[in-house]
Amino acid sequence: MIKNTFRKYHRQIATLFCLPIFLTALTGISITIAEKRVHQPALAAVLTSIHTFKIFKLDAILPALNGLALIGLVATGLSMTGLFAHRRQ
């Protein structure tokens, strides 16, 4: 019963935060490529503003929400694995 509740919360969190977390990961990788491999500091600056959500004027709240969402996904995901379940003998 509790697993179903965690599955529901896990699905809701994942649906709500999949795009911001994916955008953060993609731009983080792209910044490194733009700076180190392609040597394009202007492109890296634009990607940094997207990565920190300054371009969307959400730089104050969205990184904290991304972090909380990842913690929530890890917590619900680990609870669904059964690693912490008390086994009856």
C-alpha atoms as a PDB file:
ATOM      1  CA  MET A   1       0.000   0.000   0.000  1.00  0.00           C
ATOM      2  CA  ILE A   2       2.755   2.434   0.927  1.00  0.00           C
ATOM      3  CA  LYS A   3       4.654   1.546  -2.272  1.00  0.00           C
ATOM      4  CA  ASN A   4       1.695   2.678  -4.345  1.00  0.00           C
ATOM      5  CA  THR A   5       1.643   6.012  -2.542  1.00  0.00           C
ATOM      6  CA  PHE A   6       5.360   6.495  -3.146  1.00  0.00           C
ATOM      7  CA  ARG A   7       4.900   5.526  -6.798  1.00  0.00           C
ATOM      8  CA  LYS A   8       2.202   8.172  -7.132  1.00  0.00           C
ATOM      9  CA  TYR A   9       4.416  10.864  -5.592  1.00  0.00           C
ATOM     10  CA  HIS A  10       7.428   9.734  -7.609  1.00  0.00           C
ATOM     11  CA  ARG A  11       5.421   9.938 -10.841  1.00  0.00           C
ATOM     12  CA  GLN A  12       4.088  13.403  -9.992  1.00  0.00           C
ATOM     13  CA  ILE A  13       7.494  14.809  -9.080  1.00  0.00           C
ATOM     14  CA  ALA A  14       9.103  13.288 -12.166  1.00  0.00           C
ATOM     15  CA  THR A  15       6.410  14.650 -14.462  1.00  0.00           C
ATOM     16  CA  LEU A  16       6.586  18.135 -12.998  1.00  0.00           C
ATOM     17  CA  PHE A  17      10.373  18.484 -12.911  1.00  0.00           C
ATOM     18  CA  CYS A  18      11.584  16.420 -15.876  1.00  0.00           C
ATOM     19  CA  LEU A  19      12.059  19.436 -18.171  1.00  0.00           C
ATOM     20  CA  PRO A  20      13.893  21.731 -15.701  1.00  0.00           C
ATOM     21  CA  ILE A  21      16.205  18.941 -14.513  1.00  0.00           C
ATOM     22  CA  PHE A  22      16.907  17.831 -18.087  1.00  0.00           C
ATOM     23  CA  LEU A  23      17.599  21.440 -19.129  1.00  0.00           C
ATOM     24  CA  THR A  24      19.991  21.869 -16.204  1.00  0.00           C
ATOM     25  CA  ALA A  25      21.894  18.688 -17.081  1.00  0.00           C
ATOM     26  CA  LEU A  26      22.007  19.435 -20.807  1.00  0.00           C
ATOM     27  CA  THR A  27      23.217  23.011 -20.409  1.00  0.00           C
ATOM     28  CA  GLY A  28      25.770  21.958 -17.769  1.00  0.00           C
ATOM     29  CA  ILE A  29      27.325  19.510 -20.220  1.00  0.00           C
ATOM     30  CA  SER A  30      27.090  22.039 -23.060  1.00  0.00           C
ATOM     31  CA  ILE A  31      28.868  24.757 -21.052  1.00  0.00           C
ATOM     32  CA  THR A  32      31.861  22.490 -20.582  1.00  0.00           C
ATOM     33  CA  ILE A  33      31.924  21.588 -24.265  1.00  0.00           C
ATOM     34  CA  ALA A  34      31.577  25.230 -25.332  1.00  0.00           C
ATOM     35  CA  GLU A  35      34.397  26.394 -23.047  1.00  0.00           C
ATOM     36  CA  LYS A  36      36.902  23.541 -23.271  1.00  0.00           C
ATOM     37  CA  ARG A  37      36.369  21.953 -26.667  1.00  0.00           C
ATOM     38  CA  VAL A  38      34.917  24.582 -29.005  1.00  0.00           C
ATOM     39  CA  HIS A  39      36.493  27.645 -27.314  1.00  0.00           C
ATOM     40  CA  GLN A  40      33.335  29.766 -27.603  1.00  0.00           C
ATOM     41  CA  PRO A  41      33.094  31.971 -24.490  1.00  0.00           C
ATOM     42  CA  ALA A  42      30.061  33.865 -25.843  1.00  0.00           C
ATOM     43  CA  LEU A  43      28.134  30.629 -26.300  1.00  0.00           C
ATOM     44  CA  ALA A  44      29.223  29.488 -22.851  1.00  0.00           C
ATOM     45  CA  ALA A  45      27.890  32.745 -21.366  1.00  0.00           C
ATOM     46  CA  VAL A  46      24.485  32.243 -22.986  1.00  0.00           C
ATOM     47  CA  LEU A  47      24.383  28.631 -21.836  1.00  0.00           C
ATOM     48  CA  THR A  48      25.318  29.724 -18.312  1.00  0.00           C
ATOM     49  CA  SER A  49      22.400  32.147 -18.208  1.00  0.00           C
ATOM     50  CA  ILE A  50      20.094  29.324 -19.316  1.00  0.00           C
ATOM     51  CA  HIS A  51      21.703  26.878 -16.858  1.00  0.00           C
ATOM     52  CA  THR A  52      21.149  29.217 -13.914  1.00  0.00           C
ATOM     53  CA  PHE A  53      17.663  30.149 -15.204  1.00  0.00           C
ATOM     54  CA  LYS A  54      18.574  33.855 -15.260  1.00  0.00           C
ATOM     55  CA  ILE A  55      17.288  34.067 -18.825  1.00  0.00           C
ATOM     56  CA  PHE A  56      13.829  33.083 -17.543  1.00  0.00           C
ATOM     57  CA  LYS A  57      14.055  35.324 -14.422  1.00  0.00           C
ATOM     58  CA  LEU A  58      13.731  32.230 -12.231  1.00  0.00           C
ATOM     59  CA  ASP A  59      17.279  32.153 -10.912  1.00  0.00           C
ATOM     60  CA  ALA A  60      16.200  32.752  -7.305  1.00  0.00           C
ATOM     61  CA  ILE A  61      13.800  29.836  -6.848  1.00  0.00           C
ATOM     62  CA  LEU A  62      14.160  27.182  -9.566  1.00  0.00           C
ATOM     63  CA  PRO A  63      17.613  25.825  -8.604  1.00  0.00           C
ATOM     64  CA  ALA A  64      16.336  25.216  -5.067  1.00  0.00           C
ATOM     65  CA  LEU A  65      13.222  23.515  -6.435  1.00  0.00           C
ATOM     66  CA  ASN A  66      15.398  21.351  -8.706  1.00  0.00           C
ATOM     67  CA  GLY A  67      17.402  20.264  -5.679  1.00  0.00           C
ATOM     68  CA  LEU A  68      14.309  19.503  -3.623  1.00  0.00           C
ATOM     69  CA  ALA A  69      12.805  17.581  -6.544  1.00  0.00           C
ATOM     70  CA  LEU A  70      15.941  15.454  -6.885  1.00  0.00           C
ATOM     71  CA  ILE A  71      15.929  14.726  -3.149  1.00  0.00           C
ATOM     72  CA  GLY A  72      12.252  13.778  -3.395  1.00  0.00           C
ATOM     73  CA  LEU A  73      12.903  11.509  -6.377  1.00  0.00           C
ATOM     74  CA  VAL A  74      15.780   9.777  -4.606  1.00  0.00           C
ATOM     75  CA  ALA A  75      13.764   9.328  -1.407  1.00  0.00           C
ATOM     76  CA  THR A  76      10.689   7.925  -3.138  1.00  0.00           C
ATOM     77  CA  GLY A  77      12.785   5.823  -5.500  1.00  0.00           C
ATOM     78  CA  LEU A  78      14.802   4.260  -2.686  1.00  0.00           C
ATOM     79  CA  SER A  79      11.689   3.548  -0.675  1.00  0.00           C
ATOM     80  CA  MET A  80      10.156   1.715  -3.630  1.00  0.00           C
ATOM     81  CA  THR A  81      13.200  -0.534  -4.036  1.00  0.00           C
ATOM     82  CA  GLY A  82      12.529  -2.276  -0.743  1.00  0.00           C
ATOM     83  CA  LEU A  83      16.087  -1.799   0.510  1.00  0.00           C
ATOM     84  CA  PHE A  84      14.825  -0.370   3.781  1.00  0.00           C
ATOM     85  CA  ALA A  85      11.892  -2.705   4.302  1.00  0.00           C
ATOM     86  CA  HIS A  86      11.707  -4.727   7.490  1.00  0.00           C
ATOM     87  CA  ARG A  87      11.674  -8.350   6.513  1.00  0.00           C
ATOM     88  CA  ARG A  88       9.723 -10.793   8.596  1.00  0.00           C
ATOM     89  CA  GLN A  89      11.378 -14.080   9.378  1.00  0.00           C
END
